[in-house]
N, C-alpha and C. Protein backbone atom coordinates (compact mmCIF):
# COMPACT_ATOMS: atom_id res chain seq x y z
N MET A 1 -14.70 -2.76 13.97
CA MET A 1 -14.69 -3.61 12.77
C MET A 1 -16.10 -4.01 12.37
N GLU A 2 -16.95 -4.14 13.43
CA GLU A 2 -18.35 -4.53 13.09
C GLU A 2 -19.01 -3.45 12.23
N ALA A 3 -18.70 -2.17 12.55
CA ALA A 3 -19.30 -1.09 11.74
C ALA A 3 -18.72 -1.06 10.31
N ILE A 4 -17.44 -1.37 10.17
CA ILE A 4 -16.85 -1.44 8.85
C ILE A 4 -17.52 -2.54 8.05
N ARG A 5 -17.63 -3.68 8.73
CA ARG A 5 -18.23 -4.88 8.02
C ARG A 5 -19.65 -4.50 7.44
N LYS A 6 -20.42 -3.81 8.23
CA LYS A 6 -21.75 -3.38 7.87
C LYS A 6 -21.64 -2.32 6.78
N LYS A 7 -20.78 -1.40 6.86
CA LYS A 7 -20.63 -0.33 5.95
C LYS A 7 -20.23 -0.84 4.54
N VAL A 8 -19.41 -1.87 4.46
CA VAL A 8 -19.00 -2.41 3.19
C VAL A 8 -20.03 -3.48 2.67
N GLY A 9 -20.99 -3.75 3.45
CA GLY A 9 -22.06 -4.66 3.03
C GLY A 9 -21.69 -6.13 3.09
N PHE A 10 -20.73 -6.49 3.94
CA PHE A 10 -20.38 -7.88 4.06
C PHE A 10 -21.54 -8.57 4.88
N GLU A 11 -22.05 -9.67 4.36
CA GLU A 11 -23.25 -10.28 4.94
C GLU A 11 -22.92 -11.35 6.04
N GLY A 12 -21.73 -11.83 6.05
CA GLY A 12 -21.40 -12.90 7.04
C GLY A 12 -21.12 -12.23 8.44
N ASP A 13 -20.80 -13.17 9.37
CA ASP A 13 -20.50 -12.66 10.74
C ASP A 13 -19.10 -12.03 10.80
N LEU A 14 -18.75 -11.50 11.92
CA LEU A 14 -17.49 -10.84 12.05
C LEU A 14 -16.32 -11.76 11.87
N TYR A 15 -16.42 -12.98 12.37
CA TYR A 15 -15.37 -14.00 12.12
C TYR A 15 -15.13 -14.26 10.69
N SER A 16 -16.24 -14.35 9.88
CA SER A 16 -16.15 -14.60 8.45
C SER A 16 -15.51 -13.39 7.70
N PHE A 17 -15.84 -12.27 8.25
CA PHE A 17 -15.29 -11.02 7.63
C PHE A 17 -13.75 -11.00 7.84
N PHE A 18 -13.27 -11.30 9.00
CA PHE A 18 -11.90 -11.34 9.26
C PHE A 18 -11.19 -12.41 8.38
N GLU A 19 -11.83 -13.54 8.25
CA GLU A 19 -11.32 -14.60 7.39
C GLU A 19 -11.19 -14.13 5.91
N PHE A 20 -12.22 -13.43 5.43
CA PHE A 20 -12.22 -12.89 4.16
C PHE A 20 -11.08 -11.88 3.96
N LEU A 21 -10.87 -11.00 4.90
CA LEU A 21 -9.81 -10.00 4.83
C LEU A 21 -8.47 -10.69 4.81
N ARG A 22 -8.35 -11.72 5.56
CA ARG A 22 -7.04 -12.41 5.67
C ARG A 22 -6.74 -13.29 4.48
N THR A 23 -7.70 -13.72 3.78
CA THR A 23 -7.44 -14.71 2.71
C THR A 23 -7.69 -14.26 1.26
N ASP A 24 -8.45 -13.18 1.09
CA ASP A 24 -8.84 -12.79 -0.29
C ASP A 24 -7.65 -12.15 -0.98
N PRO A 25 -7.28 -12.63 -2.16
CA PRO A 25 -6.12 -12.09 -2.88
C PRO A 25 -6.13 -10.61 -3.19
N GLN A 26 -7.31 -10.01 -3.23
CA GLN A 26 -7.39 -8.52 -3.56
C GLN A 26 -6.73 -7.72 -2.50
N PHE A 27 -6.45 -8.30 -1.34
CA PHE A 27 -5.88 -7.49 -0.26
C PHE A 27 -4.36 -7.73 -0.13
N TYR A 28 -3.78 -8.34 -1.10
CA TYR A 28 -2.38 -8.70 -1.11
C TYR A 28 -1.68 -8.16 -2.38
N TYR A 29 -0.43 -7.74 -2.24
CA TYR A 29 0.38 -7.36 -3.38
C TYR A 29 0.91 -8.59 -4.05
N ASN A 30 1.12 -8.43 -5.40
CA ASN A 30 1.63 -9.50 -6.18
C ASN A 30 3.16 -9.59 -6.21
N THR A 31 3.78 -8.47 -6.05
CA THR A 31 5.25 -8.43 -6.09
C THR A 31 5.85 -7.61 -4.93
N ALA A 32 7.15 -7.79 -4.71
CA ALA A 32 7.81 -6.97 -3.66
C ALA A 32 7.80 -5.47 -4.06
N GLU A 33 7.93 -5.26 -5.35
CA GLU A 33 7.94 -3.83 -5.84
C GLU A 33 6.55 -3.13 -5.57
N GLU A 34 5.46 -3.88 -5.79
CA GLU A 34 4.09 -3.35 -5.51
C GLU A 34 3.91 -3.08 -4.08
N LEU A 35 4.43 -3.98 -3.25
CA LEU A 35 4.37 -3.81 -1.82
C LEU A 35 5.10 -2.58 -1.34
N LEU A 36 6.28 -2.40 -1.81
CA LEU A 36 7.12 -1.23 -1.44
C LEU A 36 6.43 0.04 -1.97
N ALA A 37 5.84 0.06 -3.13
CA ALA A 37 5.15 1.26 -3.64
C ALA A 37 3.96 1.53 -2.74
N GLY A 38 3.23 0.51 -2.32
CA GLY A 38 2.10 0.70 -1.45
C GLY A 38 2.46 1.37 -0.14
N TYR A 39 3.55 0.94 0.46
CA TYR A 39 4.02 1.52 1.69
C TYR A 39 4.50 2.96 1.49
N ARG A 40 5.13 3.20 0.32
CA ARG A 40 5.61 4.57 0.10
C ARG A 40 4.36 5.50 -0.05
N ASP A 41 3.36 4.99 -0.72
CA ASP A 41 2.14 5.80 -0.86
C ASP A 41 1.53 6.19 0.49
N ILE A 42 1.52 5.19 1.41
CA ILE A 42 1.02 5.44 2.77
C ILE A 42 1.85 6.50 3.45
N CYS A 43 3.15 6.38 3.30
CA CYS A 43 4.04 7.34 3.91
C CYS A 43 3.82 8.79 3.38
N LYS A 44 3.58 8.92 2.07
CA LYS A 44 3.35 10.18 1.49
C LYS A 44 2.07 10.87 2.09
N ARG A 45 1.07 9.97 2.32
CA ARG A 45 -0.20 10.53 2.94
C ARG A 45 -0.01 10.84 4.40
N ALA A 46 0.80 10.04 5.07
CA ALA A 46 1.01 10.22 6.52
C ALA A 46 1.90 11.39 6.88
N ASP A 47 2.94 11.68 6.09
CA ASP A 47 3.90 12.66 6.38
C ASP A 47 3.31 14.00 6.77
N PRO A 48 2.35 14.57 5.98
CA PRO A 48 1.78 15.88 6.31
C PRO A 48 1.05 15.89 7.72
N GLU A 49 0.50 14.73 8.00
CA GLU A 49 -0.24 14.59 9.29
C GLU A 49 0.78 14.55 10.50
N LEU A 50 1.95 13.96 10.31
CA LEU A 50 2.92 13.92 11.35
C LEU A 50 3.33 15.31 11.90
N THR A 51 3.49 16.24 10.91
CA THR A 51 3.92 17.57 11.36
C THR A 51 2.80 18.27 12.27
N LYS A 52 1.58 17.78 12.11
CA LYS A 52 0.52 18.30 12.93
C LYS A 52 0.60 17.74 14.38
N LEU A 53 1.23 16.57 14.49
CA LEU A 53 1.28 15.90 15.88
C LEU A 53 2.57 16.18 16.59
N PHE A 54 3.64 16.39 15.75
CA PHE A 54 5.00 16.43 16.36
C PHE A 54 5.63 17.74 15.86
N ARG A 55 6.15 18.49 16.80
CA ARG A 55 6.83 19.80 16.43
C ARG A 55 8.01 19.54 15.55
N ASN A 56 8.96 18.74 15.91
CA ASN A 56 10.18 18.48 15.17
C ASN A 56 10.26 17.10 14.65
N LEU A 57 10.48 16.94 13.43
CA LEU A 57 10.69 15.60 12.83
C LEU A 57 12.09 15.51 12.28
N HIS A 58 12.79 14.46 12.59
CA HIS A 58 14.12 14.28 12.03
C HIS A 58 14.06 14.18 10.56
N ALA A 59 14.99 14.77 9.86
CA ALA A 59 15.01 14.73 8.36
C ALA A 59 14.90 13.36 7.74
N SER A 60 15.47 12.39 8.41
CA SER A 60 15.41 11.01 7.82
C SER A 60 14.00 10.44 7.82
N LEU A 61 13.14 10.93 8.71
CA LEU A 61 11.81 10.47 8.75
C LEU A 61 10.92 11.01 7.61
N THR A 62 11.29 12.16 7.13
CA THR A 62 10.46 12.78 6.05
C THR A 62 11.09 12.75 4.70
N ALA A 63 12.20 12.06 4.57
CA ALA A 63 12.87 11.94 3.20
C ALA A 63 12.21 10.91 2.37
């Protein structure tokens, strides 16, 4: 996390960086629908990678 803090140019210490990540509104969804859409986007990006790691995936995991 220290490397990420430096990479994004956050000038405070690591504790302050965690506090910023935990409390800044830009890191939160405004509605349940936005939250669900965000998780679905993550799943779409992760699905192709899962087949590289696991030989067989149950159909319900990739639907």
